[in-house]
């Protein structure tokens, strides 16, 4: 599909918005995970939570790389967005080290996959003719979410006096991204949307 046509379509607009929201939630959660752990369970357990997140992110991405060619990509993206949202919401309520580690694991599993899936989705939806320009436009907008994530969580933490509201909000942001992505519809190889 030509660039000018692709970037005006519902699939591109809503799909990009969904990834902007999911990256805001992801980067905000990652940036504040250690601080959340420090506030609640101390430095050692907080450091372990960061390690759990990293290991689960790598494990999830390796598994996701094997699964993505065998599963419908749209469903795989939805599952990853939902998993990230639930992991963030679990972290919002985690006040013990085991709960923190469990939340970090659930949050970590989709992290690498969501980074990998956006370019694959765009290539599948629009083809390779103008892929570079289409991906650059989508990624440029998604980067706004990446940049806003840490500040958003910090502002919410300060306004609400803790991480419960901040992590609940970014968890909800990830689940909202899932709904927005579903609203984008489906795209065939020409990028035409089918509901």
Protein backbone atom coordinates (compact mmCIF):
# COMPACT_ATOMS: atom_id res chain seq x y z
CA UNK A 1 0.00 0.00 0.00
CA UNK A 2 1.32 3.48 -0.76
CA UNK A 3 2.49 5.53 2.22
CA UNK A 4 0.00 8.37 1.72
CA UNK A 5 -2.93 5.95 1.70
CA UNK A 6 -1.64 3.84 4.58
CA UNK A 7 -1.13 6.63 7.10
CA UNK A 8 -4.66 7.97 6.59
CA UNK A 9 -6.33 4.64 7.27
CA UNK A 10 -8.06 3.55 10.48
CA UNK A 11 -5.76 0.57 10.90
CA UNK A 12 -2.63 2.72 10.88
CA UNK A 13 -4.06 5.49 13.07
CA UNK A 14 -5.61 3.30 15.76
CA UNK A 15 -2.83 0.70 15.62
CA UNK A 16 -0.22 3.41 16.14
CA UNK A 17 -2.23 4.96 18.97
CA UNK A 18 -2.48 1.53 20.61
CA UNK A 19 1.28 1.04 20.47
CA UNK A 20 1.84 4.59 21.75
CA UNK A 21 -0.31 3.79 24.81
CA UNK A 22 1.21 0.36 25.40
CA UNK A 23 4.76 1.77 25.21
CA UNK A 24 3.85 4.61 27.59
CA UNK A 25 2.70 1.97 30.08
CA UNK A 26 5.67 -0.30 29.46
CA UNK A 27 8.47 2.24 29.72
CA UNK A 28 6.81 4.00 32.64
CA UNK A 29 6.51 0.71 34.51
CA UNK A 30 10.07 -0.34 33.78
CA UNK A 31 11.48 3.04 34.80
CA UNK A 32 9.70 2.98 38.16
CA UNK A 33 9.84 -0.72 39.06
CA UNK A 34 12.92 -0.40 41.24
CA UNK A 35 11.54 2.66 43.04
CA UNK A 36 8.25 0.88 43.67
CA UNK A 37 10.13 -2.06 45.15
CA UNK A 38 12.32 0.20 47.26
CA UNK A 39 9.28 1.91 48.76
CA UNK A 40 7.59 -1.34 49.65
CA UNK A 41 10.07 -4.16 50.24
CA UNK A 42 13.62 -2.75 50.18
CA UNK A 43 16.58 -2.60 47.81
CA UNK A 44 17.43 -6.31 47.65
CA UNK A 45 13.92 -7.44 46.71
CA UNK A 46 13.54 -4.49 44.33
CA UNK A 47 16.78 -5.45 42.57
CA UNK A 48 15.55 -9.03 42.29
CA UNK A 49 12.30 -7.75 40.74
CA UNK A 50 14.27 -5.90 38.05
CA UNK A 51 16.23 -9.10 37.33
CA UNK A 52 13.01 -11.13 37.16
CA UNK A 53 11.59 -8.61 34.70
CA UNK A 54 14.71 -8.82 32.51
CA UNK A 55 14.83 -12.63 32.51
CA UNK A 56 11.11 -12.90 31.75
CA UNK A 57 11.40 -10.32 28.98
CA UNK A 58 14.16 -12.33 27.28
CA UNK A 59 12.34 -15.63 27.82
CA UNK A 60 9.06 -14.17 26.57
CA UNK A 61 10.68 -12.73 23.47
CA UNK A 62 12.41 -16.00 22.58
CA UNK A 63 9.14 -17.90 23.03
CA UNK A 64 7.25 -15.18 21.18
CA UNK A 65 9.65 -15.31 18.25
CA UNK A 66 8.89 -19.00 17.89
CA UNK A 67 5.13 -18.56 18.34
CA UNK A 68 4.43 -15.47 16.26
CA UNK A 69 4.69 -17.33 12.94
CA UNK A 70 2.35 -20.07 14.19
CA UNK A 71 -0.39 -17.91 15.74
CA UNK A 72 -2.62 -15.17 14.38
CA UNK A 73 -0.59 -11.99 14.96
CA UNK A 74 -3.58 -9.90 16.00
CA UNK A 75 -4.54 -12.35 18.77
CA UNK A 76 -0.92 -12.61 19.89
CA UNK A 77 -0.69 -8.81 20.19
CA UNK A 78 -3.94 -8.66 22.18
CA UNK A 79 -2.72 -11.35 24.60
CA UNK A 80 0.57 -9.50 25.12
CA UNK A 81 -1.17 -6.16 25.73
CA UNK A 82 -3.53 -7.81 28.22
CA UNK A 83 -0.66 -9.59 29.98
CA UNK A 84 1.28 -6.36 30.33
CA UNK A 85 -1.76 -4.55 31.73
CA UNK A 86 -2.47 -7.29 34.25
CA UNK A 87 1.19 -7.43 35.30
CA UNK A 88 1.22 -3.68 35.93
CA UNK A 89 -1.99 -3.88 37.94
CA UNK A 90 -0.56 -6.71 40.01
CA UNK A 91 2.50 -4.57 40.68
CA UNK A 92 0.21 -1.75 41.82
CA UNK A 93 -1.05 -4.01 44.62
CA UNK A 94 2.24 -5.82 45.39
CA UNK A 95 3.29 -5.13 48.98
CA UNK A 96 5.41 -8.25 49.58
CA UNK A 97 8.53 -9.48 47.80
CA UNK A 98 6.85 -12.59 46.26
CA UNK A 99 3.96 -10.47 44.94
CA UNK A 100 6.43 -7.98 43.52
CA UNK A 101 8.38 -10.75 41.77
CA UNK A 102 5.19 -12.33 40.41
CA UNK A 103 4.03 -8.97 39.05
CA UNK A 104 7.47 -8.35 37.53
CA UNK A 105 7.36 -11.77 35.83
CA UNK A 106 3.89 -11.24 34.36
CA UNK A 107 4.81 -7.71 33.29
CA UNK A 108 8.13 -8.87 31.84
CA UNK A 109 6.88 -11.70 29.61
CA UNK A 110 5.21 -9.43 27.01
CA UNK A 111 7.81 -6.62 27.11
CA UNK A 112 10.11 -7.95 24.39
CA UNK A 113 7.24 -9.25 22.30
CA UNK A 114 5.50 -5.89 22.11
CA UNK A 115 8.72 -4.27 20.89
CA UNK A 116 9.05 -6.94 18.19
CA UNK A 117 5.42 -7.03 17.06
CA UNK A 118 4.84 -3.49 15.82
CA UNK A 119 7.25 -3.67 12.84
CA UNK A 120 6.07 -7.19 11.97
CA UNK A 121 2.44 -6.07 12.07
CA UNK A 122 3.07 -3.10 9.78
CA UNK A 123 4.96 -5.21 7.26
CA UNK A 124 2.18 -7.79 7.23
CA UNK A 125 -0.56 -5.17 6.95
CA UNK A 126 0.91 -2.85 4.33
CA UNK A 127 3.54 -4.83 2.47
CA UNK A 128 7.11 -3.82 1.76
CA UNK A 129 6.71 -1.17 -0.95
CA UNK A 130 6.66 1.82 1.43
CA UNK A 131 7.36 -0.12 4.62
CA UNK A 132 10.30 2.07 5.69
CA UNK A 133 8.27 5.27 5.58
CA UNK A 134 5.18 3.68 7.14
CA UNK A 135 7.18 2.16 9.99
CA UNK A 136 9.11 5.40 10.55
CA UNK A 137 5.88 7.38 10.85
CA UNK A 138 4.32 4.87 13.24
CA UNK A 139 7.46 4.51 15.33
CA UNK A 140 7.96 8.27 15.48
CA UNK A 141 4.53 8.66 17.05
CA UNK A 142 5.00 5.63 19.30
CA UNK A 143 8.18 7.23 20.64
CA UNK A 144 6.00 9.97 22.15
CA UNK A 145 4.51 7.29 24.38
CA UNK A 146 7.97 5.97 25.24
CA UNK A 147 9.10 9.48 26.21
CA UNK A 148 5.99 10.23 28.26
CA UNK A 149 5.93 6.97 30.25
CA UNK A 150 8.43 7.68 33.06
CA UNK A 151 7.16 11.23 33.61
CA UNK A 152 3.53 10.07 33.64
CA UNK A 153 4.18 7.46 36.32
CA UNK A 154 6.23 9.95 38.34
CA UNK A 155 3.56 12.65 38.17
CA UNK A 156 0.84 10.17 39.15
CA UNK A 157 2.99 8.87 42.01
CA UNK A 158 3.51 12.37 43.38
CA UNK A 159 -0.11 13.44 42.88
CA UNK A 160 -1.57 10.32 44.53
CA UNK A 161 1.11 9.87 47.19
CA UNK A 162 2.29 6.45 46.04
CA UNK A 163 2.52 3.86 43.32
CA UNK A 164 -0.89 2.20 43.69
CA UNK A 165 -2.67 4.77 41.53
CA UNK A 166 0.30 5.24 39.18
CA UNK A 167 0.74 1.55 38.33
CA UNK A 168 -3.03 0.99 38.20
CA UNK A 169 -3.27 3.85 35.70
CA UNK A 170 -0.55 2.53 33.40
CA UNK A 171 -2.02 -0.96 33.70
CA UNK A 172 -5.33 0.51 32.57
CA UNK A 173 -3.45 2.35 29.81
CA UNK A 174 -2.14 -0.98 28.51
CA UNK A 175 -5.64 -2.49 28.59
CA UNK A 176 -6.97 0.61 26.82
CA UNK A 177 -4.31 0.07 24.16
CA UNK A 178 -5.70 -3.44 23.67
CA UNK A 179 -9.23 -2.07 23.13
CA UNK A 180 -7.95 0.60 20.72
CA UNK A 181 -5.99 -2.05 18.81
CA UNK A 182 -9.10 -4.22 18.51
CA UNK A 183 -11.02 -1.18 17.23
CA UNK A 184 -8.43 -0.74 14.46
CA UNK A 185 -9.92 -3.76 12.73
CA UNK A 186 -7.99 -6.17 10.58
CA UNK A 187 -5.83 -5.38 7.59
CA UNK A 188 -5.21 -7.63 4.64
CA UNK A 189 -2.03 -7.56 2.53
CA UNK A 190 -3.22 -4.35 0.84
CA UNK A 191 -3.98 -2.70 4.16
CA UNK A 192 -7.73 -2.57 3.61
CA UNK A 193 -9.54 -2.77 6.92
CA UNK A 194 -11.96 -5.60 7.56
CA UNK A 195 -14.05 -5.56 10.73
